[in-house]
């Protein structure tokens, strides 16, 4: 045993007693990882027995480095330090499920496993790492109300939540300072989840991670964070991208992590809304395309569809 990994435990002090002495001169500990422990004291005698010039990695903020006659290398690191460990295949398989990504290195039974860094987390999914393909196993914390400031974390979504009313615009948040205040028109008393906070009532948005706008235009109907039109009104999508807007709306209605990251914003503009002269002809039931009532078509739904005829300014189905 030449490498000993004790990071991310709850070790507060290491007393006398040579706990790291293997009792064998040919297998002394050469690397001791102690970072991310609330260590306040290490007795000089506790590290006696390590290999000459052994490396000890630890947080030094609350700790005085002990004096020892033995020549040792103390490395002080911060919370962003990502340890790398060389392991055989079986051990690497286990580490790949606990916040590390493991890459095949030299030989068929050796892997280099590195802790997932801040802003990321490891997926607890069994993977075959001794293949030709590279398996990282780490994912960025998602856009929205999430960040991670500790390395080597794993789980279904092993990220911390931003405070209510704050979010990370581009994902990969690596500290609470990565979380910014949600934009105007949003509910800042709730967690952001997978968007830039939910819209206020009677507001809509054109960007999942952007501001929400007031639904103030006459004839506009706003619900579930998107805008359409009320019955009795008409808009014409000839000169803007209705298919793109429909994709955006379908996506914004997903309130979990299954949303499509390629359709988070609508880059076009919404059409101008017109009031229909005869409201009953524009009974569109809040559809995005703003369709006419059955039997009507054309500008402001003033024409009859094929199979209908006009009589007394209304369209009737042909007999």
C-alpha atoms as a PDB file:
ATOM      1  CA  UNK A   1       0.000   0.000   0.000  1.00  0.00           C
ATOM      2  CA  UNK A   2       1.929   3.020  -1.262  1.00  0.00           C
ATOM      3  CA  UNK A   3      -1.002   5.430  -1.789  1.00  0.00           C
ATOM      4  CA  UNK A   4      -3.600   6.236   0.858  1.00  0.00           C
ATOM      5  CA  UNK A   5      -6.755   8.193  -0.007  1.00  0.00           C
ATOM      6  CA  UNK A   6      -8.525   9.736   3.002  1.00  0.00           C
ATOM      7  CA  UNK A   7      -9.945  12.894   1.432  1.00  0.00           C
ATOM      8  CA  UNK A   8     -13.564  14.035   1.993  1.00  0.00           C
ATOM      9  CA  UNK A   9     -13.922  12.386   5.383  1.00  0.00           C
ATOM     10  CA  UNK A  10     -14.565  13.990   8.757  1.00  0.00           C
ATOM     11  CA  UNK A  11     -11.071  13.709  10.199  1.00  0.00           C
ATOM     12  CA  UNK A  12     -10.427  16.532  12.665  1.00  0.00           C
ATOM     13  CA  UNK A  13      -7.061  15.471  14.101  1.00  0.00           C
ATOM     14  CA  UNK A  14      -4.411  12.791  13.657  1.00  0.00           C
ATOM     15  CA  UNK A  15      -2.736  11.761  16.904  1.00  0.00           C
ATOM     16  CA  UNK A  16       0.449   9.918  17.778  1.00  0.00           C
ATOM     17  CA  UNK A  17       0.638   6.222  17.024  1.00  0.00           C
ATOM     18  CA  UNK A  18       2.137   5.963  13.522  1.00  0.00           C
ATOM     19  CA  UNK A  19      -1.256   5.240  11.855  1.00  0.00           C
ATOM     20  CA  UNK A  20       0.284   5.349   8.376  1.00  0.00           C
ATOM     21  CA  UNK A  21       3.197   3.038   9.070  1.00  0.00           C
ATOM     22  CA  UNK A  22       2.743  -0.168   7.065  1.00  0.00           C
ATOM     23  CA  UNK A  23       5.425  -1.960   9.054  1.00  0.00           C
ATOM     24  CA  UNK A  24       7.297  -2.860   5.863  1.00  0.00           C
ATOM     25  CA  UNK A  25      10.209  -0.932   4.410  1.00  0.00           C
ATOM     26  CA  UNK A  26       9.399  -2.016   0.858  1.00  0.00           C
ATOM     27  CA  UNK A  27       5.813  -0.737   0.865  1.00  0.00           C
ATOM     28  CA  UNK A  28       5.830   2.558   2.711  1.00  0.00           C
ATOM     29  CA  UNK A  29       3.141   5.129   1.898  1.00  0.00           C
ATOM     30  CA  UNK A  30       4.383   7.551  -0.777  1.00  0.00           C
ATOM     31  CA  UNK A  31       1.191   9.562  -1.291  1.00  0.00           C
ATOM     32  CA  UNK A  32      -1.315  10.570   1.403  1.00  0.00           C
ATOM     33  CA  UNK A  33      -4.405  12.548   0.344  1.00  0.00           C
ATOM     34  CA  UNK A  34      -6.073  14.318   3.282  1.00  0.00           C
ATOM     35  CA  UNK A  35      -7.708  17.312   1.597  1.00  0.00           C
ATOM     36  CA  UNK A  36     -11.321  18.271   2.311  1.00  0.00           C
ATOM     37  CA  UNK A  37     -11.149  17.188   5.946  1.00  0.00           C
ATOM     38  CA  UNK A  38     -11.744  19.591   8.872  1.00  0.00           C
ATOM     39  CA  UNK A  39      -8.223  18.930  10.158  1.00  0.00           C
ATOM     40  CA  UNK A  40      -6.997  21.164  12.968  1.00  0.00           C
ATOM     41  CA  UNK A  41      -3.980  19.206  14.189  1.00  0.00           C
ATOM     42  CA  UNK A  42      -1.512  16.544  13.078  1.00  0.00           C
ATOM     43  CA  UNK A  43       0.924  15.210  15.621  1.00  0.00           C
ATOM     44  CA  UNK A  44       4.516  14.917  14.321  1.00  0.00           C
ATOM     45  CA  UNK A  45       4.674  11.306  15.396  1.00  0.00           C
ATOM     46  CA  UNK A  46       1.536  10.475  13.418  1.00  0.00           C
ATOM     47  CA  UNK A  47       3.318  10.841  10.087  1.00  0.00           C
ATOM     48  CA  UNK A  48       6.446   8.939  11.114  1.00  0.00           C
ATOM     49  CA  UNK A  49       6.815   5.889   8.965  1.00  0.00           C
ATOM     50  CA  UNK A  50       5.932   7.450   5.626  1.00  0.00           C
ATOM     51  CA  UNK A  51       8.325   7.022   2.717  1.00  0.00           C
ATOM     52  CA  UNK A  52      11.137   9.576   2.590  1.00  0.00           C
ATOM     53  CA  UNK A  53       9.964  12.519   0.413  1.00  0.00           C
ATOM     54  CA  UNK A  54       6.385  11.255   0.550  1.00  0.00           C
ATOM     55  CA  UNK A  55       3.733  13.759  -0.549  1.00  0.00           C
ATOM     56  CA  UNK A  56       0.908  14.806   1.801  1.00  0.00           C
ATOM     57  CA  UNK A  57      -1.945  16.746   0.193  1.00  0.00           C
ATOM     58  CA  UNK A  58      -4.276  18.683   2.498  1.00  0.00           C
ATOM     59  CA  UNK A  59      -6.138  21.918   3.237  1.00  0.00           C
ATOM     60  CA  UNK A  60      -3.904  24.185   5.302  1.00  0.00           C
ATOM     61  CA  UNK A  61      -6.347  26.951   6.264  1.00  0.00           C
ATOM     62  CA  UNK A  62      -7.001  25.713   9.824  1.00  0.00           C
ATOM     63  CA  UNK A  63      -3.823  23.716  10.254  1.00  0.00           C
ATOM     64  CA  UNK A  64      -0.224  24.282  11.268  1.00  0.00           C
ATOM     65  CA  UNK A  65       2.169  22.023   9.367  1.00  0.00           C
ATOM     66  CA  UNK A  66       3.885  19.753  11.913  1.00  0.00           C
ATOM     67  CA  UNK A  67       7.672  19.718  12.186  1.00  0.00           C
ATOM     68  CA  UNK A  68       9.368  16.391  11.629  1.00  0.00           C
ATOM     69  CA  UNK A  69      12.949  15.244  11.174  1.00  0.00           C
ATOM     70  CA  UNK A  70      11.813  13.161   8.226  1.00  0.00           C
ATOM     71  CA  UNK A  71      11.846  14.859   4.822  1.00  0.00           C
ATOM     72  CA  UNK A  72       8.225  15.119   3.613  1.00  0.00           C
ATOM     73  CA  UNK A  73       6.471  17.224   0.969  1.00  0.00           C
ATOM     74  CA  UNK A  74       3.318  19.006   2.159  1.00  0.00           C
ATOM     75  CA  UNK A  75       1.070  20.321  -0.636  1.00  0.00           C
ATOM     76  CA  UNK A  76      -1.605  22.816   0.393  1.00  0.00           C
ATOM     77  CA  UNK A  77      -4.590  22.840  -1.971  1.00  0.00           C
ATOM     78  CA  UNK A  78      -8.000  24.506  -2.239  1.00  0.00           C
ATOM     79  CA  UNK A  79     -11.464  23.108  -2.858  1.00  0.00           C
ATOM     80  CA  UNK A  80     -10.907  23.091  -6.637  1.00  0.00           C
ATOM     81  CA  UNK A  81      -8.078  20.568  -6.427  1.00  0.00           C
ATOM     82  CA  UNK A  82      -8.945  17.420  -8.389  1.00  0.00           C
ATOM     83  CA  UNK A  83      -6.935  14.385  -7.316  1.00  0.00           C
ATOM     84  CA  UNK A  84      -5.887  11.803  -9.900  1.00  0.00           C
ATOM     85  CA  UNK A  85      -5.402   8.175  -8.932  1.00  0.00           C
ATOM     86  CA  UNK A  86      -3.938   5.290 -10.938  1.00  0.00           C
ATOM     87  CA  UNK A  87      -5.992   2.145 -10.374  1.00  0.00           C
ATOM     88  CA  UNK A  88      -6.525  -1.317 -11.778  1.00  0.00           C
ATOM     89  CA  UNK A  89      -9.701  -2.123 -13.691  1.00  0.00           C
ATOM     90  CA  UNK A  90     -11.876  -3.364 -10.817  1.00  0.00           C
ATOM     91  CA  UNK A  91     -11.032  -0.467  -8.521  1.00  0.00           C
ATOM     92  CA  UNK A  92     -11.439   2.011 -11.380  1.00  0.00           C
ATOM     93  CA  UNK A  93     -14.915   0.635 -12.097  1.00  0.00           C
ATOM     94  CA  UNK A  94     -15.889   1.389  -8.507  1.00  0.00           C
ATOM     95  CA  UNK A  95     -14.375   4.881  -8.565  1.00  0.00           C
ATOM     96  CA  UNK A  96     -16.167   5.669 -11.834  1.00  0.00           C
ATOM     97  CA  UNK A  97     -19.448   5.325  -9.934  1.00  0.00           C
ATOM     98  CA  UNK A  98     -18.442   7.657  -7.107  1.00  0.00           C
ATOM     99  CA  UNK A  99     -17.591  11.032  -8.626  1.00  0.00           C
ATOM    100  CA  UNK A 100     -14.511  10.139 -10.704  1.00  0.00           C
ATOM    101  CA  UNK A 101     -13.930   9.674 -14.406  1.00  0.00           C
ATOM    102  CA  UNK A 102     -11.525   6.960 -15.379  1.00  0.00           C
ATOM    103  CA  UNK A 103      -9.562   6.764 -18.619  1.00  0.00           C
ATOM    104  CA  UNK A 104      -7.655   3.794 -19.915  1.00  0.00           C
ATOM    105  CA  UNK A 105      -3.924   4.586 -19.794  1.00  0.00           C
ATOM    106  CA  UNK A 106      -0.997   2.199 -20.270  1.00  0.00           C
ATOM    107  CA  UNK A 107      -1.699  -1.501 -20.389  1.00  0.00           C
ATOM    108  CA  UNK A 108      -5.058  -3.264 -20.264  1.00  0.00           C
ATOM    109  CA  UNK A 109      -5.504  -3.257 -16.496  1.00  0.00           C
ATOM    110  CA  UNK A 110      -4.605   0.298 -15.497  1.00  0.00           C
ATOM    111  CA  UNK A 111      -6.776   3.410 -15.462  1.00  0.00           C
ATOM    112  CA  UNK A 112      -6.153   7.006 -14.420  1.00  0.00           C
ATOM    113  CA  UNK A 113      -9.134   8.174 -12.353  1.00  0.00           C
ATOM    114  CA  UNK A 114      -9.628  11.906 -11.768  1.00  0.00           C
ATOM    115  CA  UNK A 115     -12.243  13.446  -9.506  1.00  0.00           C
ATOM    116  CA  UNK A 116     -15.043  15.364 -11.214  1.00  0.00           C
ATOM    117  CA  UNK A 117     -14.156  19.029 -10.749  1.00  0.00           C
ATOM    118  CA  UNK A 118     -16.198  21.830  -9.242  1.00  0.00           C
ATOM    119  CA  UNK A 119     -19.189  22.713 -11.390  1.00  0.00           C
ATOM    120  CA  UNK A 120     -19.598  19.046 -12.362  1.00  0.00           C
ATOM    121  CA  UNK A 121     -20.756  15.769 -10.858  1.00  0.00           C
ATOM    122  CA  UNK A 122     -20.368  12.083 -11.583  1.00  0.00           C
ATOM    123  CA  UNK A 123     -23.220   9.952 -12.837  1.00  0.00           C
ATOM    124  CA  UNK A 124     -23.859   6.770 -10.880  1.00  0.00           C
ATOM    125  CA  UNK A 125     -24.203   4.709 -14.066  1.00  0.00           C
ATOM    126  CA  UNK A 126     -22.249   1.521 -14.590  1.00  0.00           C
ATOM    127  CA  UNK A 127     -19.914   1.901 -17.557  1.00  0.00           C
ATOM    128  CA  UNK A 128     -17.246  -0.204 -19.220  1.00  0.00           C
ATOM    129  CA  UNK A 129     -14.029   1.769 -18.938  1.00  0.00           C
ATOM    130  CA  UNK A 130     -11.478  -0.741 -20.292  1.00  0.00           C
ATOM    131  CA  UNK A 131     -12.438  -0.201 -23.911  1.00  0.00           C
ATOM    132  CA  UNK A 132     -10.980   1.918 -26.688  1.00  0.00           C
ATOM    133  CA  UNK A 133     -13.547   4.682 -26.196  1.00  0.00           C
ATOM    134  CA  UNK A 134     -13.141   7.400 -23.590  1.00  0.00           C
ATOM    135  CA  UNK A 135     -15.670   7.502 -20.750  1.00  0.00           C
ATOM    136  CA  UNK A 136     -15.570  10.683 -18.716  1.00  0.00           C
ATOM    137  CA  UNK A 137     -18.550  10.045 -16.453  1.00  0.00           C
ATOM    138  CA  UNK A 138     -18.800  13.713 -15.402  1.00  0.00           C
ATOM    139  CA  UNK A 139     -21.519  16.184 -16.350  1.00  0.00           C
ATOM    140  CA  UNK A 140     -21.814  19.926 -15.904  1.00  0.00           C
ATOM    141  CA  UNK A 141     -24.292  21.072 -13.308  1.00  0.00           C
ATOM    142  CA  UNK A 142     -27.287  22.117 -15.429  1.00  0.00           C
ATOM    143  CA  UNK A 143     -28.339  25.621 -16.333  1.00  0.00           C
ATOM    144  CA  UNK A 144     -30.770  27.067 -13.818  1.00  0.00           C
ATOM    145  CA  UNK A 145     -30.637  26.938 -10.046  1.00  0.00           C
ATOM    146  CA  UNK A 146     -27.679  24.574  -9.554  1.00  0.00           C
ATOM    147  CA  UNK A 147     -23.963  24.659  -8.743  1.00  0.00           C
ATOM    148  CA  UNK A 148     -21.314  22.415  -7.164  1.00  0.00           C
ATOM    149  CA  UNK A 149     -18.327  23.715  -5.175  1.00  0.00           C
ATOM    150  CA  UNK A 150     -16.967  20.330  -4.038  1.00  0.00           C
ATOM    151  CA  UNK A 151     -15.010  17.917  -6.233  1.00  0.00           C
ATOM    152  CA  UNK A 152     -15.747  14.223  -6.606  1.00  0.00           C
ATOM    153  CA  UNK A 153     -19.516  14.325  -6.122  1.00  0.00           C
ATOM    154  CA  UNK A 154     -21.859  11.751  -7.639  1.00  0.00           C
ATOM    155  CA  UNK A 155     -25.559  11.024  -7.889  1.00  0.00           C
ATOM    156  CA  UNK A 156     -28.611  11.497 -10.087  1.00  0.00           C
ATOM    157  CA  UNK A 157     -28.137  15.266  -9.853  1.00  0.00           C
ATOM    158  CA  UNK A 158     -25.324  15.833  -7.354  1.00  0.00           C
ATOM    159  CA  UNK A 159     -25.411  19.619  -7.489  1.00  0.00           C
ATOM    160  CA  UNK A 160     -26.309  22.114  -4.798  1.00  0.00           C
ATOM    161  CA  UNK A 161     -29.245  24.499  -5.197  1.00  0.00           C
ATOM    162  CA  UNK A 162     -28.799  28.207  -5.650  1.00  0.00           C
ATOM    163  CA  UNK A 163     -30.674  30.449  -3.245  1.00  0.00           C
ATOM    164  CA  UNK A 164     -34.260  31.262  -4.180  1.00  0.00           C
ATOM    165  CA  UNK A 165     -34.452  33.835  -6.947  1.00  0.00           C
ATOM    166  CA  UNK A 166     -30.974  33.113  -8.358  1.00  0.00           C
ATOM    167  CA  UNK A 167     -29.700  30.934 -11.200  1.00  0.00           C
ATOM    168  CA  UNK A 168     -26.633  30.014 -13.272  1.00  0.00           C
ATOM    169  CA  UNK A 169     -27.139  31.244 -16.818  1.00  0.00           C
ATOM    170  CA  UNK A 170     -24.797  28.915 -18.707  1.00  0.00           C
ATOM    171  CA  UNK A 171     -24.487  25.943 -16.343  1.00  0.00           C
ATOM    172  CA  UNK A 172     -21.375  24.573 -14.679  1.00  0.00           C
ATOM    173  CA  UNK A 173     -21.800  26.787 -11.616  1.00  0.00           C
ATOM    174  CA  UNK A 174     -18.801  26.218  -9.338  1.00  0.00           C
ATOM    175  CA  UNK A 175     -19.702  28.287  -6.269  1.00  0.00           C
ATOM    176  CA  UNK A 176     -22.642  30.191  -4.713  1.00  0.00           C
ATOM    177  CA  UNK A 177     -21.206  33.273  -6.439  1.00  0.00           C
ATOM    178  CA  UNK A 178     -21.969  31.626  -9.789  1.00  0.00           C
ATOM    179  CA  UNK A 179     -25.674  32.157  -9.025  1.00  0.00           C
ATOM    180  CA  UNK A 180     -26.983  35.505 -10.287  1.00  0.00           C
ATOM    181  CA  UNK A 181     -30.303  37.188  -9.611  1.00  0.00           C
ATOM    182  CA  UNK A 182     -33.091  35.985 -11.888  1.00  0.00           C
ATOM    183  CA  UNK A 183     -34.143  38.511 -14.563  1.00  0.00           C
ATOM    184  CA  UNK A 184     -37.112  40.859 -14.465  1.00  0.00           C
ATOM    185  CA  UNK A 185     -40.623  39.472 -14.603  1.00  0.00           C
ATOM    186  CA  UNK A 186     -39.767  36.282 -12.669  1.00  0.00           C
ATOM    187  CA  UNK A 187     -40.734  34.828  -9.298  1.00  0.00           C
ATOM    188  CA  UNK A 188     -37.745  35.497  -7.090  1.00  0.00           C
ATOM    189  CA  UNK A 189     -39.218  33.902  -3.972  1.00  0.00           C
ATOM    190  CA  UNK A 190     -38.860  30.396  -5.438  1.00  0.00           C
ATOM    191  CA  UNK A 191     -36.028  28.171  -6.594  1.00  0.00           C
ATOM    192  CA  UNK A 192     -35.063  28.559 -10.241  1.00  0.00           C
ATOM    193  CA  UNK A 193     -34.977  24.833 -11.087  1.00  0.00           C
ATOM    194  CA  UNK A 194     -34.233  24.307 -14.799  1.00  0.00           C
ATOM    195  CA  UNK A 195     -34.868  27.896 -15.964  1.00  0.00           C
ATOM    196  CA  UNK A 196     -34.159  31.478 -14.939  1.00  0.00           C
ATOM    197  CA  UNK A 197     -36.956  31.277 -12.336  1.00  0.00           C
ATOM    198  CA  UNK A 198     -40.614  30.898 -13.327  1.00  0.00           C
ATOM    199  CA  UNK A 199     -42.495  33.809 -14.845  1.00  0.00           C
ATOM    200  CA  UNK A 200     -44.850  35.956 -12.802  1.00  0.00           C
ATOM    201  CA  UNK A 201     -48.540  35.532 -13.467  1.00  0.00           C
ATOM    202  CA  UNK A 202     -49.704  37.064 -16.771  1.00  0.00           C
ATOM    203  CA  UNK A 203     -46.146  37.117 -18.143  1.00  0.00           C
ATOM    204  CA  UNK A 204     -44.425  35.239 -20.965  1.00  0.00           C
ATOM    205  CA  UNK A 205     -40.877  34.648 -22.111  1.00  0.00           C
ATOM    206  CA  UNK A 206     -39.007  34.027 -25.360  1.00  0.00           C
ATOM    207  CA  UNK A 207     -35.909  32.644 -23.624  1.00  0.00           C
ATOM    208  CA  UNK A 208     -35.953  29.922 -20.978  1.00  0.00           C
ATOM    209  CA  UNK A 209     -33.013  31.652 -19.311  1.00  0.00           C
ATOM    210  CA  UNK A 210     -34.062  35.217 -20.035  1.00  0.00           C
ATOM    211  CA  UNK A 211     -36.547  37.779 -18.772  1.00  0.00           C
ATOM    212  CA  UNK A 212     -40.341  37.444 -18.715  1.00  0.00           C
ATOM    213  CA  UNK A 213     -42.470  40.127 -20.379  1.00  0.00           C
ATOM    214  CA  UNK A 214     -45.812  41.528 -19.295  1.00  0.00           C
ATOM    215  CA  UNK A 215     -48.777  40.193 -21.254  1.00  0.00           C
ATOM    216  CA  UNK A 216     -50.136  43.679 -21.916  1.00  0.00           C
ATOM    217  CA  UNK A 217     -50.947  43.697 -25.645  1.00  0.00           C
ATOM    218  CA  UNK A 218     -54.660  43.640 -26.470  1.00  0.00           C
ATOM    219  CA  UNK A 219     -55.771  40.169 -27.499  1.00  0.00           C
ATOM    220  CA  UNK A 220     -52.698  38.388 -26.113  1.00  0.00           C
ATOM    221  CA  UNK A 221     -53.209  35.349 -23.888  1.00  0.00           C
ATOM    222  CA  UNK A 222     -50.325  34.285 -21.627  1.00  0.00           C
ATOM    223  CA  UNK A 223     -50.178  30.968 -19.809  1.00  0.00           C
ATOM    224  CA  UNK A 224     -47.469  28.509 -18.790  1.00  0.00           C
ATOM    225  CA  UNK A 225     -44.788  31.077 -19.725  1.00  0.00           C
ATOM    226  CA  UNK A 226     -45.718  31.433 -23.406  1.00  0.00           C
ATOM    227  CA  UNK A 227     -47.958  33.794 -25.387  1.00  0.00           C
ATOM    228  CA  UNK A 228     -50.754  33.102 -27.825  1.00  0.00           C
ATOM    229  CA  UNK A 229     -53.962  35.006 -28.724  1.00  0.00           C
ATOM    230  CA  UNK A 230     -57.486  35.108 -27.396  1.00  0.00           C
ATOM    231  CA  UNK A 231     -60.662  34.210 -29.266  1.00  0.00           C
ATOM    232  CA  UNK A 232     -61.777  37.047 -31.505  1.00  0.00           C
ATOM    233  CA  UNK A 233     -58.223  38.018 -32.490  1.00  0.00           C
ATOM    234  CA  UNK A 234     -55.919  37.188 -35.366  1.00  0.00           C
ATOM    235  CA  UNK A 235     -52.174  37.127 -36.091  1.00  0.00           C
ATOM    236  CA  UNK A 236     -50.337  36.215 -39.265  1.00  0.00           C
ATOM    237  CA  UNK A 237     -47.221  34.017 -39.070  1.00  0.00           C
ATOM    238  CA  UNK A 238     -46.282  34.393 -42.770  1.00  0.00           C
ATOM    239  CA  UNK A 239     -43.219  36.498 -42.051  1.00  0.00           C
ATOM    240  CA  UNK A 240     -41.891  34.829 -38.903  1.00  0.00           C
ATOM    241  CA  UNK A 241     -40.965  31.311 -37.801  1.00  0.00           C
ATOM    242  CA  UNK A 242     -44.045  29.591 -36.398  1.00  0.00           C
ATOM    243  CA  UNK A 243     -42.352  26.176 -36.381  1.00  0.00           C
ATOM    244  CA  UNK A 244     -39.475  27.532 -34.321  1.00  0.00           C
ATOM    245  CA  UNK A 245     -41.907  29.137 -31.884  1.00  0.00           C
ATOM    246  CA  UNK A 246     -43.864  25.886 -31.526  1.00  0.00           C
ATOM    247  CA  UNK A 247     -40.631  24.028 -30.735  1.00  0.00           C
ATOM    248  CA  UNK A 248     -39.775  26.638 -28.117  1.00  0.00           C
ATOM    249  CA  UNK A 249     -43.232  26.434 -26.519  1.00  0.00           C
ATOM    250  CA  UNK A 250     -43.140  22.631 -26.422  1.00  0.00           C
ATOM    251  CA  UNK A 251     -39.751  22.866 -24.737  1.00  0.00           C
ATOM    252  CA  UNK A 252     -40.624  25.579 -22.221  1.00  0.00           C
ATOM    253  CA  UNK A 253     -43.559  23.437 -21.037  1.00  0.00           C
ATOM    254  CA  UNK A 254     -41.023  20.875 -19.769  1.00  0.00           C
ATOM    255  CA  UNK A 255     -40.223  21.825 -16.185  1.00  0.00           C
ATOM    256  CA  UNK A 256     -37.642  19.086 -15.560  1.00  0.00           C
ATOM    257  CA  UNK A 257     -34.205  18.276 -16.967  1.00  0.00           C
ATOM    258  CA  UNK A 258     -35.606  16.498 -20.042  1.00  0.00           C
ATOM    259  CA  UNK A 259     -35.903  19.778 -21.960  1.00  0.00           C
ATOM    260  CA  UNK A 260     -34.061  20.179 -25.286  1.00  0.00           C
ATOM    261  CA  UNK A 261     -31.001  22.388 -24.802  1.00  0.00           C
ATOM    262  CA  UNK A 262     -31.067  23.357 -28.501  1.00  0.00           C
ATOM    263  CA  UNK A 263     -34.500  25.023 -28.280  1.00  0.00           C
ATOM    264  CA  UNK A 264     -34.236  27.138 -25.134  1.00  0.00           C
ATOM    265  CA  UNK A 265     -34.926  30.434 -26.900  1.00  0.00           C
ATOM    266  CA  UNK A 266     -37.040  31.758 -29.783  1.00  0.00           C
ATOM    267  CA  UNK A 267     -34.945  34.073 -31.923  1.00  0.00           C
ATOM    268  CA  UNK A 268     -37.801  35.498 -33.983  1.00  0.00           C
ATOM    269  CA  UNK A 269     -40.537  37.980 -33.130  1.00  0.00           C
ATOM    270  CA  UNK A 270     -44.203  37.399 -32.423  1.00  0.00           C
ATOM    271  CA  UNK A 271     -46.647  38.658 -35.060  1.00  0.00           C
ATOM    272  CA  UNK A 272     -48.779  41.743 -34.522  1.00  0.00           C
ATOM    273  CA  UNK A 273     -52.223  40.972 -33.073  1.00  0.00           C
ATOM    274  CA  UNK A 274     -55.365  42.261 -34.814  1.00  0.00           C
ATOM    275  CA  UNK A 275     -58.915  42.398 -33.583  1.00  0.00           C
ATOM    276  CA  UNK A 276     -61.272  40.536 -35.918  1.00  0.00           C
ATOM    277  CA  UNK A 277     -64.222  42.647 -37.207  1.00  0.00           C
ATOM    278  CA  UNK A 278     -66.529  39.697 -36.554  1.00  0.00           C
ATOM    279  CA  UNK A 279     -65.260  37.998 -33.393  1.00  0.00           C
ATOM    280  CA  UNK A 280     -67.045  34.700 -33.974  1.00  0.00           C
ATOM    281  CA  UNK A 281     -65.027  34.106 -37.136  1.00  0.00           C
ATOM    282  CA  UNK A 282     -61.775  34.067 -35.107  1.00  0.00           C
ATOM    283  CA  UNK A 283     -62.667  31.461 -32.537  1.00  0.00           C
ATOM    284  CA  UNK A 284     -59.111  30.047 -32.411  1.00  0.00           C
ATOM    285  CA  UNK A 285     -59.309  28.487 -28.903  1.00  0.00           C
ATOM    286  CA  UNK A 286     -55.911  29.929 -27.984  1.00  0.00           C
ATOM    287  CA  UNK A 287     -54.022  28.004 -30.664  1.00  0.00           C
ATOM    288  CA  UNK A 288     -50.550  29.293 -31.466  1.00  0.00           C
ATOM    289  CA  UNK A 289     -51.298  29.508 -35.190  1.00  0.00           C
ATOM    290  CA  UNK A 290     -54.311  31.689 -34.411  1.00  0.00           C
ATOM    291  CA  UNK A 291     -56.568  29.706 -36.704  1.00  0.00           C
ATOM    292  CA  UNK A 292     -59.981  30.815 -37.862  1.00  0.00           C
ATOM    293  CA  UNK A 293     -63.276  29.266 -36.899  1.00  0.00           C
ATOM    294  CA  UNK A 294     -64.470  26.318 -38.972  1.00  0.00           C
ATOM    295  CA  UNK A 295     -65.397  27.461 -42.481  1.00  0.00           C
ATOM    296  CA  UNK A 296     -63.307  30.647 -42.482  1.00  0.00           C
ATOM    297  CA  UNK A 297     -59.847  31.488 -43.817  1.00  0.00           C
ATOM    298  CA  UNK A 298     -57.773  34.407 -45.115  1.00  0.00           C
ATOM    299  CA  UNK A 299     -56.869  37.762 -43.626  1.00  0.00           C
ATOM    300  CA  UNK A 300     -58.862  38.379 -40.414  1.00  0.00           C
ATOM    301  CA  UNK A 301     -60.811  35.219 -41.285  1.00  0.00           C
ATOM    302  CA  UNK A 302     -62.952  37.138 -43.782  1.00  0.00           C
ATOM    303  CA  UNK A 303     -63.025  34.478 -46.537  1.00  0.00           C
ATOM    304  CA  UNK A 304     -64.833  31.166 -46.755  1.00  0.00           C
ATOM    305  CA  UNK A 305     -62.941  27.884 -46.853  1.00  0.00           C
ATOM    306  CA  UNK A 306     -63.366  25.495 -49.757  1.00  0.00           C
ATOM    307  CA  UNK A 307     -66.644  23.647 -49.328  1.00  0.00           C
ATOM    308  CA  UNK A 308     -68.339  26.664 -47.718  1.00  0.00           C
ATOM    309  CA  UNK A 309     -70.325  29.516 -49.255  1.00  0.00           C
ATOM    310  CA  UNK A 310     -71.005  33.054 -48.042  1.00  0.00           C
ATOM    311  CA  UNK A 311     -74.466  34.286 -47.185  1.00  0.00           C
ATOM    312  CA  UNK A 312     -75.263  37.391 -45.160  1.00  0.00           C
ATOM    313  CA  UNK A 313     -71.545  37.877 -44.330  1.00  0.00           C
ATOM    314  CA  UNK A 314     -71.199  34.401 -42.833  1.00  0.00           C
ATOM    315  CA  UNK A 315     -69.859  31.142 -44.248  1.00  0.00           C
ATOM    316  CA  UNK A 316     -72.109  28.104 -44.460  1.00  0.00           C
ATOM    317  CA  UNK A 317     -71.233  24.530 -45.352  1.00  0.00           C
ATOM    318  CA  UNK A 318     -72.182  23.607 -48.878  1.00  0.00           C
ATOM    319  CA  UNK A 319     -75.108  21.157 -49.055  1.00  0.00           C
END
